[in-house]
Amino acid sequence: MVSFRTYRPTGDTYGQPLPAVLTIHGISSSGAMMDSFNIELARRNFTVVSVDIAGHGRSSERFGFDTFFEAVMDAYEAVRYVQLNDPNTDDTVYGVLGHSLGAGITLLFSNVSVTPESTIIIGGGMGDQFGGLVLPINQSTPRNLMIASGTFDELVTPALALETLQTATGMSTPSPGVIYGNFTEGTARKLVFSNTNHLFEMSDAVIISESIDWLGRALQGEAQTEQSMLDPTQHIYQFVSLLDVIASISFVLSIFPIILITNSHLPSHLTPQKMYEVPAALESRPSLRYSLIIGTATSILLLVLMLMGFIFEFSGLSLIPVSFGTALSLISIVTGVTVVRLSRRILGRELVGKLTIEFTSGRQHYLRNLYRSFILILPVLIWIFGFSIVTRNLLDNPLIITFAADSGAAIFRFIYMIPLTFLLLPLFYSDTIWLNATVGITTEWSSLQDIATRGIKAIVSRLLGYMLLVIFLYVPFLAGAQLGFVMFIALLMLPFAVLFGLATLISVWVGGITRSTLTPALLNAMIFAIVIVSIFQLV
């Protein structure tokens, strides 16, 4: 089942049925991620239909690059359903707006029965080919086309955007920011640039304002747009986003007291064995050298194995039928082995043996500690799933780090979460070894300042090599080098940096409370698995 959300103005100031706008998100996103457009368009007398394409968000179908036309028809049927069943929505006039993958899908609407009166493509749908399909762009198709892209878009160069405008206008030297053609005949064309990248195009104020103005002129009329429409530059979506950020941070922080209370009330025979004989953390210079080597090596592995994982997924081979599930599983296993081997070489076998005492004391000891760690974090999991049901099903607000309880495939996503957790365990266990060597995450705290200092040092240790690789990729890109699909991975590394930073803080806090490395590793693996199966598409 393909799902969609509908957004309408709170009051009737238009005086006639509202034109509809269909918004289509990009890959590994959802309709809710288009809320900046959805909210602002609804405030200006549009009925907005925001679809979750197959495999994404609340939809239950699986996504495949060979099903573009099915995705087009799913989205088309969603907007037509609203138009034909809502008396306050115009039954024929609508526009489409898509970002990234969604931009390419919008261009395929030239094949549907009732074609859109206006199309906006943002950060995608440009170039000669789209999944093996030729996208129909010329001087008359699609009607009233606006092209938008970030100047620093990792996937769409400014030159490609200008080339697309040339094709759409039939002109050899068109300029950005200029309207060509006219809306009445459906030949209006415009290119909009903004100083942003691919990830932030969905919330860029310039692109949002230009999109509102364009759809107003195309669907409501230029006179209505200029005389009666709410100023396209007056936005409230930033405040909604800020509230979501505050709610997400509060939710994450709530995990820590739950762990503290549970650990203090569990009987000793149910708590993980504490690591009392932990070696002192490395001095500053050896710690920096060790972190730089481990961080750089594991980050390069992440880049290479992410590319390999995509190749496997495109070939139909997957360990976990969720996008990135296979890649992250490979990354976890190889990273775990690499960190242990490099650590033995740099720190010595004896020191690494003391840091991995929970793992090297025998299978029975390890399984007992794994079971006790699960008992300790069980209240956190209950809290996460309960909070997810409330926010997603009752409040219709899919916050980050909540489970996709509102998905039509929630049961399957939950099932996939279980093996993914265990496949991710080597990654986060190797992280705790690394952080214990550099920061001493399982030693007792002396003060709140000590906790804060450890947290900062741990984040620097964990992300130093990672961010150096990101910078290494972005410097030639910003200088004009074309790195192709590598920049797609570099783009993904930005939000993953936030998740790894969060996992690092959890390791410091939970490791300090439990004096165990296995407990924070298991908790991080579970949280990461929840995020992956909830955000990314089923394949």
Protein backbone atom coordinates (compact mmCIF):
# COMPACT_ATOMS: atom_id res chain seq x y z
CA MET A 1 0.00 0.00 0.00
CA VAL A 2 1.34 3.42 -0.99
CA SER A 3 0.63 6.11 1.59
CA PHE A 4 0.18 9.86 1.33
CA ARG A 5 -0.55 12.85 3.56
CA THR A 6 -2.85 15.74 2.71
CA TYR A 7 -2.25 19.35 3.79
CA ARG A 8 -4.91 22.07 3.52
CA PRO A 9 -5.20 25.71 4.61
CA THR A 10 -6.87 26.22 7.99
CA GLY A 11 -9.28 28.82 6.60
CA ASP A 12 -11.03 29.46 3.27
CA THR A 13 -9.74 32.71 1.75
CA TYR A 14 -9.56 31.53 -1.86
CA GLY A 15 -13.27 31.45 -2.65
CA GLN A 16 -13.13 28.49 -5.05
CA PRO A 17 -11.81 24.92 -5.18
CA LEU A 18 -8.09 24.89 -4.43
CA PRO A 19 -5.53 23.79 -7.00
CA ALA A 20 -3.60 20.72 -5.89
CA VAL A 21 0.15 20.27 -5.59
CA LEU A 22 1.74 16.83 -5.45
CA THR A 23 5.14 16.68 -3.70
CA ILE A 24 7.45 13.71 -4.30
CA HIS A 25 10.51 13.09 -2.13
CA GLY A 26 13.90 11.67 -3.06
CA ILE A 27 15.49 8.31 -2.39
CA SER A 28 15.83 7.26 1.27
CA SER A 29 13.43 10.03 2.28
CA SER A 30 9.68 10.34 2.83
CA GLY A 31 6.72 12.62 2.30
CA ALA A 32 7.19 14.05 5.79
CA MET A 33 10.67 15.20 4.80
CA MET A 34 9.00 17.51 2.27
CA ASP A 35 7.08 19.32 5.02
CA SER A 36 8.82 22.64 4.40
CA PHE A 37 7.12 22.73 0.99
CA ASN A 38 3.93 21.04 2.20
CA ILE A 39 3.33 23.50 5.03
CA GLU A 40 4.14 26.67 3.11
CA LEU A 41 2.08 25.71 0.06
CA ALA A 42 -0.93 24.77 2.20
CA ARG A 43 -0.75 28.21 3.85
CA ARG A 44 -1.19 29.75 0.40
CA ASN A 45 -4.41 28.07 -0.68
CA PHE A 46 -3.16 24.84 -2.17
CA THR A 47 -4.28 21.33 -1.35
CA VAL A 48 -0.97 19.52 -0.96
CA VAL A 49 -0.67 15.77 -1.45
CA SER A 50 2.66 14.43 -0.20
CA VAL A 51 3.25 10.83 -1.22
CA ASP A 52 5.54 8.16 0.23
CA ILE A 53 6.82 6.35 -2.86
CA ALA A 54 7.10 2.55 -2.74
CA GLY A 55 9.33 1.22 0.03
CA HIS A 56 9.64 4.63 1.70
CA GLY A 57 7.93 6.18 4.72
CA ARG A 58 4.58 4.58 5.50
CA SER A 59 4.25 2.73 2.18
CA SER A 60 4.54 -1.04 2.28
CA GLU A 61 5.66 -1.88 -1.27
CA ARG A 62 9.31 -2.49 -2.06
CA PHE A 63 11.31 0.00 -4.05
CA GLY A 64 13.20 -0.91 -7.22
CA PHE A 65 14.91 1.09 -9.92
CA ASP A 66 12.94 -0.89 -12.50
CA THR A 67 9.56 0.34 -11.22
CA PHE A 68 9.66 4.07 -12.01
CA PHE A 69 6.39 4.00 -13.95
CA GLU A 70 4.69 2.20 -11.06
CA ALA A 71 5.93 4.98 -8.75
CA VAL A 72 4.55 7.55 -11.19
CA MET A 73 1.13 5.88 -11.26
CA ASP A 74 1.06 5.50 -7.46
CA ALA A 75 1.71 9.23 -7.02
CA TYR A 76 -0.70 10.16 -9.81
CA GLU A 77 -3.49 8.05 -8.33
CA ALA A 78 -2.93 9.67 -4.93
CA VAL A 79 -3.38 13.23 -6.21
CA ARG A 80 -6.28 12.25 -8.47
CA TYR A 81 -8.01 10.50 -5.56
CA VAL A 82 -7.89 13.70 -3.53
CA GLN A 83 -8.99 15.84 -6.47
CA LEU A 84 -11.97 13.64 -7.28
CA ASN A 85 -13.11 13.09 -3.68
CA ASP A 86 -12.52 16.46 -2.02
CA PRO A 87 -15.11 19.05 -3.12
CA ASN A 88 -12.81 21.84 -1.92
CA THR A 89 -10.05 20.79 -4.32
CA ASP A 90 -10.06 21.51 -8.06
CA ASP A 91 -10.69 18.25 -9.91
CA THR A 92 -8.33 18.92 -12.84
CA VAL A 93 -5.73 21.59 -12.04
CA TYR A 94 -2.62 20.42 -10.23
CA GLY A 95 1.15 20.80 -10.20
CA VAL A 96 3.98 18.47 -9.23
CA LEU A 97 7.15 19.20 -7.28
CA GLY A 98 9.91 16.66 -6.79
CA HIS A 99 13.33 16.53 -5.16
CA SER A 100 16.21 14.32 -6.35
CA LEU A 101 14.68 10.96 -7.36
CA GLY A 102 11.26 12.59 -7.02
CA ALA A 103 12.28 15.20 -9.60
CA GLY A 104 12.87 12.50 -12.18
CA ILE A 105 9.55 10.87 -11.33
CA THR A 106 7.68 14.16 -11.83
CA LEU A 107 8.99 14.44 -15.39
CA LEU A 108 7.42 11.07 -16.24
CA PHE A 109 3.98 12.60 -15.59
CA SER A 110 3.88 13.48 -19.29
CA ASN A 111 2.51 9.94 -19.79
CA VAL A 112 -0.53 10.20 -17.45
CA SER A 113 -4.11 10.98 -18.51
CA VAL A 114 -4.43 14.36 -16.77
CA THR A 115 -1.05 16.05 -17.05
CA PRO A 116 0.13 18.65 -14.51
CA GLU A 117 -0.19 22.34 -15.29
CA SER A 118 3.20 23.01 -13.71
CA THR A 119 6.31 21.00 -12.78
CA ILE A 120 9.18 21.85 -10.43
CA ILE A 121 12.32 19.71 -10.38
CA ILE A 122 14.81 20.25 -7.54
CA GLY A 123 18.26 18.67 -7.45
CA GLY A 124 17.42 15.89 -9.91
CA GLY A 125 15.72 14.92 -13.16
CA MET A 126 18.51 16.54 -15.17
CA GLY A 127 20.68 14.95 -17.83
CA ASP A 128 19.98 12.56 -20.67
CA GLN A 129 19.18 9.39 -18.76
CA PHE A 130 17.19 8.50 -15.65
CA GLY A 131 17.30 4.84 -14.75
CA GLY A 132 17.62 4.00 -18.44
CA LEU A 133 14.68 6.26 -19.35
CA VAL A 134 14.84 9.38 -21.48
CA LEU A 135 13.25 12.25 -19.57
CA PRO A 136 10.87 14.38 -21.65
CA ILE A 137 12.12 17.97 -21.48
CA ASN A 138 11.69 20.35 -24.40
CA GLN A 139 10.22 23.78 -25.11
CA SER A 140 6.64 22.65 -24.43
CA THR A 141 7.00 19.61 -22.15
CA PRO A 142 6.42 19.66 -19.27
CA ARG A 143 4.15 22.65 -18.92
CA ASN A 144 5.51 25.60 -16.92
CA LEU A 145 8.78 24.06 -15.77
CA MET A 146 10.92 25.46 -12.96
CA ILE A 147 14.38 23.99 -12.39
CA ALA A 148 16.07 24.48 -9.01
CA SER A 149 19.40 23.33 -7.67
CA GLY A 150 21.93 24.12 -4.99
CA THR A 151 25.14 25.71 -6.19
CA PHE A 152 26.96 23.04 -4.16
CA ASP A 153 24.68 20.13 -5.08
CA GLU A 154 26.83 17.00 -5.00
CA LEU A 155 24.78 15.24 -7.70
CA VAL A 156 23.75 18.07 -10.06
CA THR A 157 26.37 20.51 -11.30
CA PRO A 158 25.46 24.12 -12.16
CA ALA A 159 26.57 23.35 -15.72
CA LEU A 160 24.10 20.46 -15.96
CA ALA A 161 21.28 22.64 -14.59
CA LEU A 162 22.07 25.33 -17.18
CA GLU A 163 22.17 22.69 -19.91
CA THR A 164 18.71 21.51 -18.82
CA LEU A 165 17.44 25.10 -19.03
CA GLN A 166 18.89 25.35 -22.56
CA THR A 167 16.97 22.23 -23.56
CA ALA A 168 13.77 23.50 -21.95
CA THR A 169 13.93 26.95 -23.59
CA GLY A 170 15.59 26.13 -26.91
CA MET A 171 18.00 29.00 -26.23
CA SER A 172 21.78 28.80 -26.42
CA THR A 173 22.59 31.19 -23.56
CA PRO A 174 19.65 31.46 -21.12
CA SER A 175 20.29 33.01 -17.70
CA PRO A 176 19.30 31.81 -14.21
CA GLY A 177 16.61 33.80 -12.41
CA VAL A 178 14.79 34.86 -15.60
CA ILE A 179 11.29 33.70 -16.59
CA TYR A 180 11.15 32.61 -20.23
CA GLY A 181 7.92 31.91 -22.13
CA ASN A 182 4.51 32.47 -20.53
CA PHE A 183 2.25 30.63 -18.12
CA THR A 184 -0.92 30.78 -20.22
CA GLU A 185 0.63 28.78 -23.05
CA GLY A 186 2.45 26.48 -20.63
CA THR A 187 5.89 27.47 -21.94
CA ALA A 188 7.15 29.32 -18.84
CA ARG A 189 10.65 28.24 -17.82
CA LYS A 190 13.02 29.34 -15.08
CA LEU A 191 16.23 28.19 -13.40
CA VAL A 192 16.81 28.97 -9.72
CA PHE A 193 20.14 28.57 -7.94
CA SER A 194 20.67 28.81 -4.19
CA ASN A 195 23.81 28.53 -2.07
CA THR A 196 23.05 25.12 -0.61
CA ASN A 197 23.83 21.46 -1.20
CA HIS A 198 21.71 18.46 -2.17
CA LEU A 199 20.72 17.53 1.37
CA PHE A 200 19.47 20.99 2.37
CA GLU A 201 17.60 21.85 -0.84
CA MET A 202 14.47 20.48 0.83
CA SER A 203 14.60 23.21 3.48
CA ASP A 204 16.25 26.05 1.57
CA ALA A 205 14.34 29.32 1.96
CA VAL A 206 15.21 30.61 -1.53
CA ILE A 207 14.07 27.46 -3.32
CA ILE A 208 10.90 27.25 -1.21
CA SER A 209 10.00 30.91 -1.87
CA GLU A 210 10.63 30.57 -5.61
CA SER A 211 8.58 27.35 -5.74
CA ILE A 212 5.63 29.02 -4.00
CA ASP A 213 5.74 31.97 -6.38
CA TRP A 214 6.04 29.70 -9.43
CA LEU A 215 3.16 27.41 -8.50
CA GLY A 216 1.03 30.43 -7.59
CA ARG A 217 1.55 31.98 -11.02
CA ALA A 218 1.02 28.69 -12.85
CA LEU A 219 -1.98 27.32 -10.91
CA GLN A 220 -3.73 30.33 -9.34
CA GLY A 221 -2.85 33.00 -11.87
CA GLU A 222 -0.29 35.78 -11.89
CA ALA A 223 -2.77 38.42 -10.74
CA GLN A 224 -3.84 36.31 -7.73
CA THR A 225 -0.20 35.62 -6.86
CA GLU A 226 0.87 39.26 -7.01
CA GLN A 227 -2.19 40.80 -5.35
CA SER A 228 -3.65 38.31 -2.87
CA MET A 229 -1.17 35.56 -2.04
CA LEU A 230 0.64 35.60 1.29
CA ASP A 231 4.21 36.81 0.69
CA PRO A 232 6.15 33.72 -0.55
CA THR A 233 9.13 34.70 1.64
CA GLN A 234 7.17 34.63 4.92
CA HIS A 235 7.79 31.15 6.32
CA ILE A 236 6.94 29.25 9.49
CA TYR A 237 8.38 25.84 8.57
CA GLN A 238 11.65 26.71 10.35
CA PHE A 239 9.80 26.91 13.68
CA VAL A 240 8.18 23.53 13.06
CA SER A 241 11.60 22.08 12.24
CA LEU A 242 13.08 23.65 15.39
CA LEU A 243 10.38 22.07 17.55
CA ASP A 244 11.13 18.69 15.93
CA VAL A 245 14.84 19.12 16.70
CA ILE A 246 14.08 20.02 20.34
CA ALA A 247 11.74 17.02 20.65
CA SER A 248 14.35 14.70 19.10
CA ILE A 249 17.13 15.92 21.41
CA SER A 250 14.85 15.60 24.45
CA PHE A 251 13.94 12.07 23.39
CA VAL A 252 17.60 11.08 23.07
CA LEU A 253 18.48 12.63 26.44
CA SER A 254 15.64 10.68 28.07
CA ILE A 255 17.55 7.46 27.35
CA PHE A 256 20.27 8.30 29.87
CA PRO A 257 18.19 8.51 33.09
CA ILE A 258 16.39 5.31 32.08
CA ILE A 259 19.73 3.49 31.90
CA LEU A 260 20.85 5.06 35.19
CA ILE A 261 17.66 4.07 37.04
CA THR A 262 17.58 0.56 35.57
CA ASN A 263 21.24 -0.09 36.37
CA SER A 264 20.78 1.04 39.99
CA HIS A 265 17.70 -1.15 40.59
CA LEU A 266 18.65 -4.38 38.82
CA PRO A 267 19.99 -7.13 41.09
CA SER A 268 23.71 -7.73 40.65
CA HIS A 269 23.21 -11.14 39.02
CA LEU A 270 21.33 -9.43 36.15
CA THR A 271 23.75 -6.57 35.51
CA PRO A 272 26.68 -6.89 33.08
CA GLN A 273 30.01 -7.76 34.66
CA LYS A 274 31.96 -4.58 35.39
CA MET A 275 35.44 -3.98 33.96
CA TYR A 276 37.49 -3.03 37.04
CA GLU A 277 41.02 -3.60 35.75
CA VAL A 278 40.88 -1.21 32.81
CA PRO A 279 44.19 0.20 31.54
CA ALA A 280 44.61 3.95 31.85
CA ALA A 281 43.62 5.97 28.80
CA LEU A 282 46.39 6.85 26.38
CA GLU A 283 48.21 10.16 26.70
CA SER A 284 47.19 12.95 24.32
CA ARG A 285 49.74 12.41 21.53
CA PRO A 286 49.55 8.59 21.37
CA SER A 287 45.76 8.87 21.61
CA LEU A 288 45.64 11.33 18.71
CA ARG A 289 47.93 9.15 16.58
CA TYR A 290 45.93 6.00 17.35
CA SER A 291 42.59 7.71 16.63
CA LEU A 292 43.88 9.20 13.40
CA ILE A 293 45.06 5.82 12.11
CA ILE A 294 41.95 3.90 13.19
CA GLY A 295 39.56 6.67 12.13
CA THR A 296 41.08 7.10 8.69
CA ALA A 297 41.30 3.36 8.01
CA THR A 298 37.71 2.65 9.08
CA SER A 299 36.38 5.67 7.15
CA ILE A 300 38.06 4.52 3.94
CA LEU A 301 36.56 1.08 4.54
CA LEU A 302 33.15 2.70 4.98
CA LEU A 303 33.49 4.52 1.66
CA VAL A 304 34.65 1.45 -0.28
CA LEU A 305 32.24 -1.01 1.31
CA MET A 306 29.31 1.38 0.92
CA LEU A 307 30.02 1.38 -2.82
CA MET A 308 30.27 -2.42 -2.81
CA GLY A 309 27.03 -2.70 -0.85
CA PHE A 310 25.23 -0.59 -3.44
CA ILE A 311 26.54 -2.82 -6.21
CA PHE A 312 25.20 -5.87 -4.38
CA GLU A 313 21.81 -4.22 -3.81
CA PHE A 314 21.54 -3.13 -7.46
CA SER A 315 22.34 -6.73 -8.42
CA GLY A 316 19.54 -8.04 -6.21
CA LEU A 317 21.89 -9.45 -3.56
CA SER A 318 21.17 -8.30 -0.03
CA LEU A 319 21.73 -9.62 3.48
CA ILE A 320 18.98 -7.37 4.84
CA PRO A 321 16.23 -6.20 2.41
CA VAL A 322 16.54 -2.58 3.53
CA SER A 323 18.65 -0.05 1.66
CA PHE A 324 22.11 0.32 3.25
CA GLY A 325 21.46 -2.79 5.36
CA THR A 326 23.84 -4.93 3.31
CA ALA A 327 26.49 -2.20 3.05
CA LEU A 328 26.42 -1.44 6.78
CA SER A 329 26.58 -5.14 7.65
CA LEU A 330 29.72 -5.51 5.52
CA ILE A 331 31.16 -2.35 7.04
CA SER A 332 30.47 -3.62 10.56
CA ILE A 333 32.10 -7.01 10.13
CA VAL A 334 35.18 -5.77 8.27
CA THR A 335 35.58 -2.75 10.58
CA GLY A 336 35.39 -4.93 13.68
CA VAL A 337 38.20 -7.18 12.43
CA THR A 338 40.27 -4.21 11.20
CA VAL A 339 40.06 -2.27 14.47
CA VAL A 340 41.14 -5.28 16.53
CA ARG A 341 44.06 -6.10 14.22
CA LEU A 342 45.28 -2.50 13.97
CA SER A 343 44.86 -2.03 17.72
CA ARG A 344 47.00 -5.09 18.43
CA ARG A 345 49.69 -3.75 16.13
CA ILE A 346 49.62 -0.23 17.63
CA LEU A 347 48.80 -0.91 21.29
CA GLY A 348 50.05 -4.46 21.72
CA ARG A 349 48.19 -7.73 22.28
CA GLU A 350 48.26 -7.50 26.08
CA LEU A 351 46.57 -4.10 26.22
CA VAL A 352 43.97 -5.05 23.61
CA GLY A 353 43.30 -8.26 25.54
CA LYS A 354 42.45 -6.21 28.64
CA LEU A 355 40.22 -3.89 26.59
CA THR A 356 38.31 -6.84 25.11
CA ILE A 357 38.02 -8.93 28.28
CA GLU A 358 34.24 -9.29 27.83
CA PHE A 359 34.76 -10.85 24.42
CA THR A 360 37.87 -12.93 25.04
CA SER A 361 36.86 -14.62 28.33
CA GLY A 362 35.05 -17.44 26.60
CA ARG A 363 31.77 -17.95 24.78
CA GLN A 364 29.70 -18.66 27.90
CA HIS A 365 30.98 -15.52 29.64
CA TYR A 366 30.31 -13.44 26.52
CA LEU A 367 26.77 -14.75 26.01
CA ARG A 368 25.94 -14.24 29.70
CA ASN A 369 27.09 -10.62 29.50
CA LEU A 370 25.22 -10.14 26.23
CA TYR A 371 22.03 -11.41 27.88
CA ARG A 372 22.54 -9.15 30.91
CA SER A 373 23.22 -6.17 28.65
CA PHE A 374 19.95 -6.85 26.85
CA ILE A 375 18.06 -6.99 30.16
CA LEU A 376 19.59 -3.65 31.15
CA ILE A 377 18.63 -1.86 27.93
CA LEU A 378 15.20 -3.50 27.60
CA PRO A 379 13.41 -0.57 29.34
CA VAL A 380 15.06 1.78 26.82
CA LEU A 381 13.72 -0.30 23.93
CA ILE A 382 10.24 -0.35 25.45
CA TRP A 383 10.43 3.44 25.82
CA ILE A 384 11.60 3.88 22.20
CA PHE A 385 8.83 1.71 20.77
CA GLY A 386 6.16 3.23 23.01
CA PHE A 387 7.26 6.77 22.17
CA SER A 388 7.33 5.81 18.47
CA ILE A 389 3.73 4.61 18.55
CA VAL A 390 2.57 7.84 20.19
CA THR A 391 4.50 10.26 17.98
CA ARG A 392 4.04 8.46 14.67
CA ASN A 393 0.56 6.91 14.96
CA LEU A 394 -1.22 9.42 17.21
CA LEU A 395 0.66 12.67 16.48
CA ASP A 396 1.69 11.82 12.89
CA ASN A 397 5.21 13.09 13.57
CA PRO A 398 8.00 10.71 12.46
CA LEU A 399 10.87 11.98 14.60
CA ILE A 400 14.39 10.72 13.98
CA ILE A 401 15.44 7.69 16.07
CA THR A 402 11.85 6.53 16.45
CA PHE A 403 10.73 3.19 15.02
CA ALA A 404 8.53 3.20 11.90
CA ALA A 405 5.44 2.06 13.80
CA ASP A 406 3.24 3.90 11.27
CA SER A 407 4.64 2.01 8.27
CA GLY A 408 2.45 -0.39 6.33
CA ALA A 409 5.43 -2.75 6.56
CA ALA A 410 6.14 -2.16 10.28
CA ILE A 411 6.19 -5.90 11.06
CA PHE A 412 8.75 -6.59 8.33
CA ARG A 413 10.87 -3.63 9.42
CA PHE A 414 10.83 -4.94 12.99
CA ILE A 415 11.85 -8.41 11.82
CA TYR A 416 14.72 -6.97 9.77
CA MET A 417 15.85 -4.91 12.75
CA ILE A 418 16.73 -8.01 14.79
CA PRO A 419 19.42 -9.57 12.55
CA LEU A 420 20.69 -6.11 11.59
CA THR A 421 21.31 -5.37 15.28
CA PHE A 422 23.60 -8.37 15.61
CA LEU A 423 25.31 -7.63 12.30
CA LEU A 424 26.05 -4.09 13.52
CA LEU A 425 27.39 -5.24 16.90
CA PRO A 426 31.03 -5.69 15.69
CA LEU A 427 31.08 -2.06 14.48
CA PHE A 428 29.99 -0.59 17.79
CA TYR A 429 31.93 -3.04 19.93
CA SER A 430 35.10 -2.04 18.08
CA ASP A 431 34.11 1.59 18.73
CA THR A 432 34.01 0.95 22.48
CA ILE A 433 37.45 -0.70 22.36
CA TRP A 434 38.78 2.33 20.52
CA LEU A 435 37.13 4.84 22.87
CA ASN A 436 38.13 2.92 25.98
CA ALA A 437 41.76 3.09 24.88
CA THR A 438 41.67 6.82 24.15
CA VAL A 439 39.19 8.16 26.72
CA GLY A 440 38.60 5.39 29.26
CA ILE A 441 34.82 5.18 28.91
CA THR A 442 34.48 2.40 31.52
CA THR A 443 36.34 4.18 34.31
CA GLU A 444 34.45 5.98 37.07
CA TRP A 445 33.47 9.62 36.65
CA SER A 446 34.77 12.17 39.10
CA SER A 447 32.39 15.04 38.23
CA LEU A 448 29.99 16.40 35.63
CA GLN A 449 32.92 18.28 34.13
CA ASP A 450 34.72 14.96 33.78
CA ILE A 451 31.74 13.53 31.87
CA ALA A 452 31.62 16.54 29.55
CA THR A 453 35.38 16.44 28.95
CA ARG A 454 35.27 12.74 28.14
CA GLY A 455 32.37 13.28 25.77
CA ILE A 456 34.23 15.98 23.84
CA LYS A 457 37.44 13.95 23.69
CA ALA A 458 35.52 10.87 22.58
CA ILE A 459 33.77 12.71 19.74
CA VAL A 460 37.10 14.14 18.54
CA SER A 461 38.68 10.67 18.71
CA ARG A 462 35.81 8.99 16.88
CA LEU A 463 35.20 11.57 14.15
CA LEU A 464 38.69 12.98 13.47
CA GLY A 465 39.68 10.56 10.70
CA TYR A 466 36.10 10.40 9.45
CA MET A 467 35.79 14.15 8.94
CA LEU A 468 39.26 14.35 7.38
CA LEU A 469 38.08 11.91 4.71
CA VAL A 470 34.90 13.94 4.17
CA ILE A 471 37.01 17.09 3.76
CA PHE A 472 39.37 15.21 1.42
CA LEU A 473 36.37 14.37 -0.81
CA TYR A 474 34.70 17.77 -0.67
CA VAL A 475 37.79 19.90 -1.41
CA PRO A 476 38.23 18.64 -5.01
CA PHE A 477 34.45 18.66 -5.46
CA LEU A 478 34.25 22.32 -4.46
CA ALA A 479 37.20 22.99 -6.77
CA GLY A 480 35.16 21.64 -9.68
CA ALA A 481 36.24 17.98 -9.89
CA GLN A 482 33.53 15.52 -10.94
CA LEU A 483 33.69 12.51 -8.60
CA GLY A 484 30.43 10.89 -9.72
CA PHE A 485 28.79 8.37 -7.41
CA VAL A 486 31.55 8.85 -4.83
CA MET A 487 29.95 12.20 -3.95
CA PHE A 488 26.65 10.43 -3.26
CA ILE A 489 28.48 8.40 -0.60
CA ALA A 490 30.20 11.57 0.65
CA LEU A 491 26.76 13.19 0.94
CA LEU A 492 25.50 10.24 3.01
CA MET A 493 28.52 10.52 5.29
CA LEU A 494 27.26 13.89 6.57
CA PRO A 495 24.12 12.60 8.37
CA PHE A 496 25.99 9.44 9.37
CA ALA A 497 28.52 11.68 11.15
CA VAL A 498 25.68 12.91 13.39
CA LEU A 499 24.62 9.33 14.15
CA PHE A 500 28.19 8.25 14.92
CA GLY A 501 28.58 11.29 17.17
CA LEU A 502 25.40 10.33 19.03
CA ALA A 503 26.61 6.74 19.36
CA THR A 504 29.88 8.05 20.81
CA LEU A 505 28.07 10.04 23.51
CA ILE A 506 25.95 7.00 24.35
CA SER A 507 29.13 4.92 24.66
CA VAL A 508 30.64 7.44 27.08
CA TRP A 509 27.50 7.76 29.21
CA VAL A 510 26.38 4.12 29.27
CA GLY A 511 29.95 2.83 29.51
CA GLY A 512 30.51 5.05 32.55
CA ILE A 513 27.30 3.93 34.25
CA THR A 514 27.67 0.19 33.59
CA ARG A 515 31.49 0.02 33.41
CA SER A 516 30.93 -2.30 30.47
CA THR A 517 31.80 -2.00 26.77
CA LEU A 518 29.32 -4.61 25.59
CA THR A 519 26.24 -2.78 26.94
CA PRO A 520 26.78 0.52 25.07
CA ALA A 521 27.78 -1.45 21.96
CA LEU A 522 24.53 -3.43 22.02
CA LEU A 523 22.43 -0.32 22.70
CA ASN A 524 24.09 1.57 19.84
CA ALA A 525 23.64 -1.37 17.49
CA MET A 526 19.93 -1.53 18.32
CA ILE A 527 19.38 2.23 17.95
CA PHE A 528 21.30 2.28 14.68
CA ALA A 529 19.29 -0.70 13.40
CA ILE A 530 16.04 1.08 14.33
CA VAL A 531 17.14 4.18 12.41
CA ILE A 532 18.19 2.20 9.33
CA VAL A 533 15.03 0.07 9.04
CA SER A 534 12.78 3.06 9.79
CA ILE A 535 14.29 5.70 7.48
CA PHE A 536 15.62 3.81 4.49
CA GLN A 537 13.57 2.11 1.83
CA LEU A 538 12.67 -1.57 1.56
CA VAL A 539 14.38 -3.17 -1.44
